[in-house]
Amino acid sequence: MKKIGWYLLFLVLCFNSCDFFLPGKSAVSEKGWKEQLNDELPLLGHRNWILVVDKAFPAQTASGITVINTGESLQDVLQFTLQKIDRSLHVRPNVYTDKELEFITPQMVPYIEGYRKQMQKNLRDLVPQTLLHDSVFVKIDKASKLFKVVVLKTEEVIPYSSVFIQLDCRYWSAENEKALREMMKK
């Protein structure tokens, strides 16, 4: 009889613990992409990257890369991300785009001009540096070996539309760094 009691207790405990695996029953709450970015941004610093990418951007295997599926348009994600960076005290954005985007014509993608205008509006006074698409992967691969890269995957289906943001220190400029290094040589 004792064995049956222990067996029943074991089954009850097993079934109760199985609730953990059912949808909507998670010990860790499912956060939206904005909350995830809010959690990540204070931890990121200069040399980290935030990529706002199109739907076809490939999954990466590097351990320094975190992918967050936003389920939203690239322009909305870009706007939110740049606003969050602008409000931070510690980082500022250096923006890169694919060189190929400049050469896409309305015959190739009918709504490309509207996309470019919206991107410029979101970038405001930021002037993106352009790189060939394959060069971006080389930079990201190199960075992810030492630094964290956060990928915000969007629903965008325009080729070469991704925006790559390399974070830099807000409170210490390249000019300050250069002057400091010159003083240290003396």
N, C-alpha and C. Protein backbone atom coordinates (compact mmCIF):
# COMPACT_ATOMS: atom_id res chain seq x y z
N MET A 1 0.82 -1.20 0.00
CA MET A 1 0.00 0.00 0.00
C MET A 1 0.86 1.25 0.00
N LYS A 2 1.99 1.21 0.77
CA LYS A 2 2.87 2.37 0.80
C LYS A 2 3.45 2.65 -0.59
N LYS A 3 3.75 1.58 -1.33
CA LYS A 3 4.30 1.76 -2.67
C LYS A 3 3.31 2.50 -3.58
N ILE A 4 2.04 2.15 -3.47
CA ILE A 4 1.02 2.81 -4.30
C ILE A 4 0.92 4.29 -3.93
N GLY A 5 1.00 4.60 -2.64
CA GLY A 5 0.97 5.99 -2.18
C GLY A 5 2.15 6.79 -2.74
N TRP A 6 3.32 6.20 -2.68
CA TRP A 6 4.51 6.87 -3.22
C TRP A 6 4.39 7.03 -4.74
N TYR A 7 3.86 6.00 -5.38
CA TYR A 7 3.68 6.05 -6.82
C TYR A 7 2.70 7.15 -7.21
N LEU A 8 1.58 7.26 -6.51
CA LEU A 8 0.59 8.31 -6.78
C LEU A 8 1.18 9.70 -6.53
N LEU A 9 1.94 9.84 -5.44
CA LEU A 9 2.59 11.12 -5.16
C LEU A 9 3.56 11.49 -6.27
N PHE A 10 4.30 10.50 -6.74
CA PHE A 10 5.25 10.72 -7.83
C PHE A 10 4.51 11.19 -9.09
N LEU A 11 3.40 10.54 -9.43
CA LEU A 11 2.62 10.93 -10.62
C LEU A 11 2.06 12.35 -10.49
N VAL A 12 1.54 12.69 -9.33
CA VAL A 12 1.00 14.03 -9.10
C VAL A 12 2.09 15.08 -9.29
N LEU A 13 3.25 14.83 -8.71
CA LEU A 13 4.36 15.77 -8.86
C LEU A 13 4.79 15.89 -10.31
N CYS A 14 4.84 14.78 -11.03
CA CYS A 14 5.22 14.81 -12.45
C CYS A 14 4.23 15.64 -13.27
N PHE A 15 2.93 15.38 -13.06
CA PHE A 15 1.92 16.10 -13.84
C PHE A 15 1.93 17.59 -13.50
N ASN A 16 2.13 17.94 -12.25
CA ASN A 16 2.18 19.35 -11.88
C ASN A 16 3.40 20.02 -12.48
N SER A 17 4.51 19.34 -12.52
CA SER A 17 5.72 19.95 -13.08
C SER A 17 5.62 20.05 -14.59
N CYS A 18 4.78 19.22 -15.22
CA CYS A 18 4.61 19.31 -16.67
C CYS A 18 3.92 20.59 -17.09
N ASP A 19 3.17 21.22 -16.18
CA ASP A 19 2.54 22.50 -16.49
C ASP A 19 3.56 23.54 -16.93
N PHE A 20 4.78 23.40 -16.44
CA PHE A 20 5.85 24.34 -16.78
C PHE A 20 6.07 24.38 -18.29
N PHE A 21 5.85 23.26 -18.97
CA PHE A 21 6.15 23.17 -20.39
C PHE A 21 4.97 23.51 -21.28
N LEU A 22 3.81 23.74 -20.70
CA LEU A 22 2.65 24.07 -21.50
C LEU A 22 2.70 25.51 -21.97
N PRO A 23 2.13 25.82 -23.14
CA PRO A 23 2.12 27.20 -23.61
C PRO A 23 1.48 28.13 -22.58
N GLY A 24 2.10 29.28 -22.39
CA GLY A 24 1.58 30.25 -21.45
C GLY A 24 1.97 29.97 -20.01
N LYS A 25 2.65 28.89 -19.77
CA LYS A 25 3.07 28.52 -18.41
C LYS A 25 4.60 28.49 -18.39
N SER A 26 5.20 29.62 -18.30
CA SER A 26 6.66 29.67 -18.31
C SER A 26 7.15 30.39 -17.07
N ALA A 27 8.23 29.87 -16.52
CA ALA A 27 8.84 30.53 -15.36
C ALA A 27 9.43 31.87 -15.78
N VAL A 28 9.87 31.95 -17.01
CA VAL A 28 10.41 33.19 -17.55
C VAL A 28 9.35 33.76 -18.49
N SER A 29 8.90 34.97 -18.21
CA SER A 29 7.85 35.54 -19.05
C SER A 29 8.39 35.85 -20.43
N GLU A 30 7.54 35.70 -21.44
CA GLU A 30 7.91 36.03 -22.80
C GLU A 30 7.92 37.55 -22.94
N LYS A 31 9.07 38.11 -23.24
CA LYS A 31 9.17 39.55 -23.40
C LYS A 31 9.08 39.92 -24.86
N GLY A 32 8.51 41.06 -25.13
CA GLY A 32 8.49 41.59 -26.48
C GLY A 32 9.87 42.12 -26.85
N TRP A 33 10.07 42.39 -28.13
CA TRP A 33 11.38 42.81 -28.59
C TRP A 33 11.81 44.15 -27.98
N LYS A 34 10.85 45.04 -27.75
CA LYS A 34 11.20 46.34 -27.17
C LYS A 34 11.73 46.17 -25.75
N GLU A 35 11.09 45.31 -24.99
CA GLU A 35 11.57 45.06 -23.63
C GLU A 35 12.93 44.39 -23.65
N GLN A 36 13.13 43.47 -24.60
CA GLN A 36 14.43 42.81 -24.72
C GLN A 36 15.52 43.82 -25.07
N LEU A 37 15.21 44.73 -26.00
CA LEU A 37 16.19 45.76 -26.35
C LEU A 37 16.44 46.68 -25.16
N ASN A 38 15.39 47.04 -24.43
CA ASN A 38 15.56 47.87 -23.23
C ASN A 38 16.47 47.19 -22.21
N ASP A 39 16.37 45.87 -22.10
CA ASP A 39 17.23 45.12 -21.19
C ASP A 39 18.67 45.06 -21.68
N GLU A 40 18.84 44.93 -22.99
CA GLU A 40 20.18 44.78 -23.58
C GLU A 40 20.96 46.09 -23.64
N LEU A 41 20.29 47.18 -24.01
CA LEU A 41 20.99 48.43 -24.30
C LEU A 41 21.88 48.93 -23.16
N PRO A 42 21.45 48.91 -21.91
CA PRO A 42 22.34 49.39 -20.84
C PRO A 42 23.61 48.56 -20.70
N LEU A 43 23.58 47.32 -21.18
CA LEU A 43 24.75 46.44 -21.08
C LEU A 43 25.71 46.61 -22.24
N LEU A 44 25.24 47.21 -23.32
CA LEU A 44 26.06 47.38 -24.51
C LEU A 44 26.91 48.64 -24.40
N GLY A 45 28.05 48.62 -25.05
CA GLY A 45 28.94 49.77 -25.05
C GLY A 45 29.61 49.93 -26.40
N HIS A 46 30.67 50.75 -26.42
CA HIS A 46 31.34 50.95 -27.70
C HIS A 46 31.91 49.62 -28.19
N ARG A 47 31.86 49.44 -29.49
CA ARG A 47 32.28 48.24 -30.20
C ARG A 47 31.20 47.16 -30.25
N ASN A 48 30.09 47.34 -29.54
CA ASN A 48 28.96 46.44 -29.70
C ASN A 48 28.17 46.89 -30.92
N TRP A 49 27.34 46.01 -31.44
CA TRP A 49 26.54 46.30 -32.63
C TRP A 49 25.08 45.99 -32.36
N ILE A 50 24.20 46.77 -33.01
CA ILE A 50 22.78 46.45 -33.10
C ILE A 50 22.45 46.45 -34.59
N LEU A 51 21.95 45.33 -35.07
CA LEU A 51 21.60 45.21 -36.48
C LEU A 51 20.09 45.19 -36.61
N VAL A 52 19.57 46.06 -37.46
CA VAL A 52 18.13 46.08 -37.77
C VAL A 52 18.05 45.52 -39.18
N VAL A 53 17.59 44.26 -39.29
CA VAL A 53 17.78 43.52 -40.53
C VAL A 53 16.48 43.10 -41.19
N ASP A 54 16.59 42.81 -42.50
CA ASP A 54 15.45 42.34 -43.27
C ASP A 54 15.15 40.88 -42.97
N LYS A 55 14.05 40.42 -43.48
CA LYS A 55 13.54 39.06 -43.20
C LYS A 55 14.52 37.97 -43.64
N ALA A 56 15.24 38.18 -44.72
CA ALA A 56 16.13 37.15 -45.26
C ALA A 56 17.52 37.15 -44.63
N PHE A 57 17.78 38.04 -43.70
CA PHE A 57 19.09 38.06 -43.06
C PHE A 57 19.33 36.70 -42.41
N PRO A 58 20.49 36.09 -42.69
CA PRO A 58 20.71 34.72 -42.23
C PRO A 58 20.96 34.62 -40.73
N ALA A 59 20.52 33.51 -40.16
CA ALA A 59 20.82 33.23 -38.76
C ALA A 59 22.32 33.02 -38.63
N GLN A 60 22.86 33.45 -37.53
CA GLN A 60 24.30 33.35 -37.29
C GLN A 60 24.58 32.28 -36.24
N THR A 61 25.76 31.70 -36.31
CA THR A 61 26.12 30.66 -35.35
C THR A 61 27.11 31.17 -34.30
N ALA A 62 27.60 32.37 -34.46
CA ALA A 62 28.58 32.90 -33.51
C ALA A 62 27.94 33.05 -32.13
N SER A 63 28.71 32.77 -31.10
CA SER A 63 28.16 32.81 -29.75
C SER A 63 27.90 34.23 -29.25
N GLY A 64 28.52 35.23 -29.84
CA GLY A 64 28.32 36.60 -29.40
C GLY A 64 27.12 37.29 -30.01
N ILE A 65 26.31 36.54 -30.75
CA ILE A 65 25.18 37.14 -31.47
C ILE A 65 23.87 36.71 -30.83
N THR A 66 23.03 37.70 -30.52
CA THR A 66 21.68 37.46 -30.01
C THR A 66 20.68 37.91 -31.06
N VAL A 67 19.78 37.03 -31.47
CA VAL A 67 18.78 37.35 -32.48
C VAL A 67 17.43 37.51 -31.79
N ILE A 68 16.76 38.63 -32.08
CA ILE A 68 15.43 38.91 -31.55
C ILE A 68 14.50 39.11 -32.74
N ASN A 69 13.46 38.29 -32.82
CA ASN A 69 12.48 38.42 -33.90
C ASN A 69 11.45 39.46 -33.49
N THR A 70 11.40 40.57 -34.21
CA THR A 70 10.52 41.67 -33.83
C THR A 70 9.10 41.50 -34.36
N GLY A 71 8.97 40.90 -35.54
CA GLY A 71 7.65 40.78 -36.16
C GLY A 71 7.11 42.10 -36.67
N GLU A 72 7.96 43.12 -36.77
CA GLU A 72 7.51 44.45 -37.19
C GLU A 72 8.30 44.92 -38.41
N SER A 73 7.90 46.08 -38.94
CA SER A 73 8.58 46.64 -40.11
C SER A 73 9.97 47.15 -39.72
N LEU A 74 10.87 47.10 -40.67
CA LEU A 74 12.23 47.56 -40.42
C LEU A 74 12.25 49.02 -40.00
N GLN A 75 11.47 49.85 -40.69
CA GLN A 75 11.49 51.28 -40.38
C GLN A 75 11.00 51.57 -38.96
N ASP A 76 9.97 50.86 -38.51
CA ASP A 76 9.47 51.05 -37.14
C ASP A 76 10.52 50.62 -36.12
N VAL A 77 11.17 49.50 -36.38
CA VAL A 77 12.20 49.00 -35.47
C VAL A 77 13.40 49.94 -35.46
N LEU A 78 13.79 50.42 -36.63
CA LEU A 78 14.91 51.36 -36.72
C LEU A 78 14.61 52.64 -35.95
N GLN A 79 13.42 53.18 -36.14
CA GLN A 79 13.04 54.42 -35.45
C GLN A 79 13.10 54.23 -33.93
N PHE A 80 12.50 53.17 -33.43
CA PHE A 80 12.50 52.90 -31.99
C PHE A 80 13.93 52.71 -31.47
N THR A 81 14.72 51.94 -32.19
CA THR A 81 16.09 51.63 -31.76
C THR A 81 16.94 52.90 -31.70
N LEU A 82 16.86 53.73 -32.71
CA LEU A 82 17.65 54.97 -32.70
C LEU A 82 17.18 55.91 -31.60
N GLN A 83 15.88 55.96 -31.33
CA GLN A 83 15.38 56.78 -30.22
C GLN A 83 15.95 56.29 -28.89
N LYS A 84 15.98 54.98 -28.70
CA LYS A 84 16.53 54.42 -27.44
C LYS A 84 18.02 54.74 -27.32
N ILE A 85 18.74 54.63 -28.41
CA ILE A 85 20.18 54.95 -28.37
C ILE A 85 20.36 56.43 -28.09
N ASP A 86 19.57 57.29 -28.73
CA ASP A 86 19.66 58.73 -28.52
C ASP A 86 19.42 59.11 -27.06
N ARG A 87 18.56 58.37 -26.38
CA ARG A 87 18.24 58.67 -24.98
C ARG A 87 19.26 58.10 -24.01
N SER A 88 20.15 57.27 -24.49
CA SER A 88 21.14 56.67 -23.60
C SER A 88 22.23 57.70 -23.28
N LEU A 89 22.84 57.53 -22.14
CA LEU A 89 23.92 58.43 -21.73
C LEU A 89 25.29 57.93 -22.15
N HIS A 90 25.37 56.67 -22.55
CA HIS A 90 26.69 56.06 -22.71
C HIS A 90 27.08 55.69 -24.14
N VAL A 91 26.14 55.58 -25.07
CA VAL A 91 26.50 55.19 -26.44
C VAL A 91 25.84 56.10 -27.46
N ARG A 92 26.48 56.16 -28.62
CA ARG A 92 25.94 56.86 -29.78
C ARG A 92 26.11 55.95 -31.00
N PRO A 93 25.32 56.17 -32.05
CA PRO A 93 25.36 55.25 -33.19
C PRO A 93 26.29 55.69 -34.32
N ASN A 94 27.01 54.74 -34.87
CA ASN A 94 27.67 54.87 -36.17
C ASN A 94 26.90 53.94 -37.09
N VAL A 95 26.30 54.49 -38.13
CA VAL A 95 25.36 53.73 -38.95
C VAL A 95 26.01 53.33 -40.27
N TYR A 96 25.74 52.07 -40.65
CA TYR A 96 26.19 51.53 -41.93
C TYR A 96 24.98 50.98 -42.67
N THR A 97 25.01 51.13 -43.99
CA THR A 97 24.00 50.50 -44.85
C THR A 97 24.73 49.81 -45.99
N ASP A 98 24.01 48.94 -46.69
CA ASP A 98 24.59 48.23 -47.83
C ASP A 98 24.72 49.16 -49.03
N LYS A 99 25.87 49.14 -49.65
CA LYS A 99 26.13 49.93 -50.86
C LYS A 99 25.13 49.56 -51.97
N GLU A 100 24.77 48.30 -52.03
CA GLU A 100 23.87 47.81 -53.07
C GLU A 100 22.52 48.52 -53.05
N LEU A 101 22.09 48.98 -51.89
CA LEU A 101 20.79 49.65 -51.77
C LEU A 101 20.71 50.89 -52.67
N GLU A 102 21.83 51.57 -52.85
CA GLU A 102 21.87 52.77 -53.69
C GLU A 102 21.55 52.47 -55.15
N PHE A 103 21.77 51.24 -55.57
CA PHE A 103 21.65 50.88 -56.98
C PHE A 103 20.33 50.18 -57.33
N ILE A 104 19.49 49.96 -56.34
CA ILE A 104 18.19 49.35 -56.61
C ILE A 104 17.28 50.39 -57.24
N THR A 105 16.69 50.04 -58.36
CA THR A 105 15.83 50.97 -59.10
C THR A 105 14.35 50.68 -58.81
N PRO A 106 13.48 51.65 -59.11
CA PRO A 106 12.04 51.40 -58.96
C PRO A 106 11.53 50.27 -59.85
N GLN A 107 12.24 49.98 -60.95
CA GLN A 107 11.85 48.85 -61.79
C GLN A 107 12.11 47.53 -61.06
N MET A 108 13.13 47.51 -60.22
CA MET A 108 13.47 46.30 -59.45
C MET A 108 12.56 46.16 -58.22
N VAL A 109 12.37 47.27 -57.51
CA VAL A 109 11.53 47.31 -56.31
C VAL A 109 10.70 48.58 -56.41
N PRO A 110 9.42 48.47 -56.79
CA PRO A 110 8.59 49.65 -57.08
C PRO A 110 8.53 50.68 -55.95
N TYR A 111 8.60 50.28 -54.70
CA TYR A 111 8.44 51.20 -53.58
C TYR A 111 9.78 51.59 -52.94
N ILE A 112 10.87 51.46 -53.69
CA ILE A 112 12.21 51.73 -53.12
C ILE A 112 12.39 53.19 -52.76
N GLU A 113 11.86 54.10 -53.54
CA GLU A 113 12.05 55.53 -53.25
C GLU A 113 11.38 55.91 -51.93
N GLY A 114 10.17 55.42 -51.71
CA GLY A 114 9.48 55.67 -50.44
C GLY A 114 10.25 55.09 -49.27
N TYR A 115 10.84 53.92 -49.48
CA TYR A 115 11.64 53.29 -48.44
C TYR A 115 12.86 54.16 -48.10
N ARG A 116 13.55 54.63 -49.12
CA ARG A 116 14.74 55.48 -48.91
C ARG A 116 14.37 56.77 -48.16
N LYS A 117 13.25 57.39 -48.55
CA LYS A 117 12.81 58.62 -47.88
C LYS A 117 12.51 58.36 -46.40
N GLN A 118 11.82 57.26 -46.14
CA GLN A 118 11.50 56.92 -44.74
C GLN A 118 12.77 56.63 -43.94
N MET A 119 13.73 55.96 -44.57
CA MET A 119 14.99 55.68 -43.87
C MET A 119 15.72 56.98 -43.54
N GLN A 120 15.77 57.89 -44.49
CA GLN A 120 16.44 59.17 -44.25
C GLN A 120 15.75 59.93 -43.13
N LYS A 121 14.42 59.88 -43.10
CA LYS A 121 13.67 60.53 -42.03
C LYS A 121 14.03 59.91 -40.68
N ASN A 122 14.12 58.59 -40.62
CA ASN A 122 14.47 57.91 -39.37
C ASN A 122 15.91 58.18 -38.95
N LEU A 123 16.80 58.31 -39.93
CA LEU A 123 18.21 58.56 -39.60
C LEU A 123 18.46 60.00 -39.18
N ARG A 124 17.54 60.89 -39.52
CA ARG A 124 17.65 62.31 -39.21
C ARG A 124 19.00 62.85 -39.68
N ASP A 125 19.83 63.32 -38.76
CA ASP A 125 21.11 63.93 -39.15
C ASP A 125 22.24 62.91 -39.24
N LEU A 126 21.97 61.65 -39.01
CA LEU A 126 22.99 60.62 -39.13
C LEU A 126 23.27 60.34 -40.60
N VAL A 127 24.54 60.31 -40.96
CA VAL A 127 24.92 60.01 -42.33
C VAL A 127 25.53 58.60 -42.34
N PRO A 128 24.83 57.66 -42.94
CA PRO A 128 25.35 56.29 -42.92
C PRO A 128 26.55 56.12 -43.83
N GLN A 129 27.47 55.29 -43.38
CA GLN A 129 28.56 54.86 -44.23
C GLN A 129 28.04 53.66 -45.02
N THR A 130 28.42 53.56 -46.28
CA THR A 130 27.97 52.42 -47.07
C THR A 130 29.11 51.43 -47.25
N LEU A 131 28.75 50.17 -47.19
CA LEU A 131 29.69 49.07 -47.39
C LEU A 131 29.04 48.04 -48.29
N LEU A 132 29.84 47.34 -49.06
CA LEU A 132 29.31 46.20 -49.80
C LEU A 132 28.78 45.18 -48.80
N HIS A 133 27.69 44.55 -49.16
CA HIS A 133 27.00 43.63 -48.26
C HIS A 133 27.94 42.59 -47.64
N ASP A 134 28.77 41.99 -48.45
CA ASP A 134 29.68 40.97 -47.92
C ASP A 134 30.68 41.55 -46.93
N SER A 135 31.04 42.82 -47.07
CA SER A 135 31.96 43.47 -46.13
C SER A 135 31.33 43.61 -44.75
N VAL A 136 30.03 43.79 -44.72
CA VAL A 136 29.32 43.90 -43.45
C VAL A 136 29.48 42.60 -42.67
N PHE A 137 29.32 41.47 -43.36
CA PHE A 137 29.44 40.18 -42.68
C PHE A 137 30.84 39.98 -42.10
N VAL A 138 31.84 40.46 -42.80
CA VAL A 138 33.21 40.35 -42.28
C VAL A 138 33.34 41.15 -40.99
N LYS A 139 32.82 42.39 -40.98
CA LYS A 139 32.86 43.23 -39.78
C LYS A 139 32.10 42.58 -38.62
N ILE A 140 30.91 42.07 -38.90
CA ILE A 140 30.09 41.48 -37.85
C ILE A 140 30.75 40.21 -37.31
N ASP A 141 31.29 39.40 -38.19
CA ASP A 141 31.97 38.17 -37.77
C ASP A 141 33.13 38.50 -36.84
N LYS A 142 33.92 39.47 -37.23
CA LYS A 142 35.08 39.87 -36.42
C LYS A 142 34.61 40.43 -35.06
N ALA A 143 33.61 41.28 -35.09
CA ALA A 143 33.11 41.89 -33.85
C ALA A 143 32.52 40.85 -32.91
N SER A 144 31.78 39.88 -33.45
CA SER A 144 31.08 38.91 -32.60
C SER A 144 32.03 37.97 -31.87
N LYS A 145 33.27 37.93 -32.28
CA LYS A 145 34.25 37.08 -31.58
C LYS A 145 34.64 37.68 -30.23
N LEU A 146 34.54 39.00 -30.12
CA LEU A 146 34.93 39.68 -28.88
C LEU A 146 33.78 40.44 -28.22
N PHE A 147 32.82 40.88 -29.02
CA PHE A 147 31.79 41.79 -28.52
C PHE A 147 30.40 41.27 -28.88
N LYS A 148 29.43 41.73 -28.14
CA LYS A 148 28.05 41.30 -28.36
C LYS A 148 27.46 42.01 -29.57
N VAL A 149 26.68 41.26 -30.33
CA VAL A 149 25.94 41.78 -31.48
C VAL A 149 24.47 41.40 -31.26
N VAL A 150 23.60 42.40 -31.27
CA VAL A 150 22.16 42.17 -31.13
C VAL A 150 21.54 42.36 -32.51
N VAL A 151 20.85 41.32 -32.99
CA VAL A 151 20.20 41.35 -34.29
C VAL A 151 18.70 41.47 -34.07
N LEU A 152 18.12 42.56 -34.57
CA LEU A 152 16.67 42.77 -34.52
C LEU A 152 16.11 42.42 -35.89
N LYS A 153 15.56 41.21 -36.01
CA LYS A 153 15.06 40.73 -37.29
C LYS A 153 13.65 41.26 -37.52
N THR A 154 13.42 41.82 -38.71
CA THR A 154 12.14 42.46 -39.03
C THR A 154 11.41 41.70 -40.13
N GLU A 155 10.27 42.23 -40.52
CA GLU A 155 9.46 41.64 -41.59
C GLU A 155 9.78 42.24 -42.96
N GLU A 156 10.79 43.08 -43.07
CA GLU A 156 11.12 43.77 -44.32
C GLU A 156 11.56 42.78 -45.39
N VAL A 157 11.07 42.98 -46.62
CA VAL A 157 11.43 42.12 -47.74
C VAL A 157 12.03 42.90 -48.90
N ILE A 158 12.66 44.03 -48.61
CA ILE A 158 13.41 44.77 -49.62
C ILE A 158 14.87 44.31 -49.52
N PRO A 159 15.47 43.89 -50.64
CA PRO A 159 16.85 43.43 -50.57
C PRO A 159 17.80 44.56 -50.17
N TYR A 160 18.82 44.21 -49.41
CA TYR A 160 19.88 45.14 -48.98
C TYR A 160 19.35 46.31 -48.15
N SER A 161 18.27 46.09 -47.44
CA SER A 161 17.63 47.17 -46.69
C SER A 161 18.08 47.24 -45.23
N SER A 162 18.89 46.31 -44.78
CA SER A 162 19.30 46.26 -43.37
C SER A 162 20.13 47.48 -42.99
N VAL A 163 20.04 47.83 -41.71
CA VAL A 163 20.81 48.94 -41.16
C VAL A 163 21.66 48.38 -40.02
N PHE A 164 22.94 48.70 -40.05
CA PHE A 164 23.90 48.15 -39.10
C PHE A 164 24.42 49.29 -38.23
N ILE A 165 24.23 49.16 -36.93
CA ILE A 165 24.60 50.23 -36.01
C ILE A 165 25.75 49.76 -35.12
N GLN A 166 26.88 50.38 -35.31
CA GLN A 166 28.02 50.12 -34.43
C GLN A 166 27.97 51.17 -33.33
N LEU A 167 27.96 50.72 -32.10
CA LEU A 167 27.87 51.65 -30.99
C LEU A 167 29.25 52.22 -30.66
N ASP A 168 29.25 53.48 -30.30
CA ASP A 168 30.47 54.17 -29.91
C ASP A 168 30.19 54.88 -28.60
N CYS A 169 31.22 55.30 -27.94
CA CYS A 169 31.08 55.95 -26.64
C CYS A 169 30.52 57.37 -26.83
N ARG A 170 29.46 57.68 -26.14
CA ARG A 170 28.84 59.01 -26.26
C ARG A 170 29.68 60.09 -25.59
N TYR A 171 30.30 59.77 -24.48
CA TYR A 171 30.96 60.80 -23.67
C TYR A 171 32.47 60.89 -23.91
N TRP A 172 32.98 60.19 -24.92
CA TRP A 172 34.40 60.26 -25.24
C TRP A 172 34.53 60.18 -26.75
N SER A 173 34.97 61.26 -27.38
CA SER A 173 35.02 61.32 -28.84
C SER A 173 36.33 60.74 -29.39
N ALA A 174 36.33 60.49 -30.68
CA ALA A 174 37.55 60.04 -31.36
C ALA A 174 38.64 61.09 -31.25
N GLU A 175 38.24 62.37 -31.27
CA GLU A 175 39.22 63.45 -31.14
C GLU A 175 39.87 63.44 -29.75
N ASN A 176 39.05 63.22 -28.73
CA ASN A 176 39.59 63.11 -27.37
C ASN A 176 40.55 61.95 -27.25
N GLU A 177 40.19 60.83 -27.85
CA GLU A 177 41.06 59.64 -27.80
C GLU A 177 42.38 59.91 -28.49
N LYS A 178 42.32 60.56 -29.64
CA LYS A 178 43.54 60.86 -30.39
C LYS A 178 44.44 61.81 -29.59
N ALA A 179 43.84 62.85 -29.00
CA ALA A 179 44.62 63.79 -28.18
C ALA A 179 45.24 63.09 -26.98
N LEU A 180 44.50 62.22 -26.35
CA LEU A 180 45.02 61.46 -25.20
C LEU A 180 46.22 60.61 -25.61
N ARG A 181 46.12 59.92 -26.72
CA ARG A 181 47.21 59.05 -27.20
C ARG A 181 48.45 59.87 -27.55
N GLU A 182 48.24 61.06 -28.11
CA GLU A 182 49.37 61.94 -28.43
C GLU A 182 50.08 62.39 -27.15
N MET A 183 49.29 62.74 -26.13
CA MET A 183 49.88 63.18 -24.84
C MET A 183 50.64 62.02 -24.20
N MET A 184 50.16 60.82 -24.35
CA MET A 184 50.80 59.66 -23.74
C MET A 184 52.14 59.34 -24.40
N LYS A 185 52.29 59.71 -25.67
CA LYS A 185 53.55 59.47 -26.38
C LYS A 185 54.67 60.37 -25.85
N LYS A 186 54.29 61.53 -25.30
CA LYS A 186 55.29 62.51 -24.84
C LYS A 186 55.87 62.15 -23.51
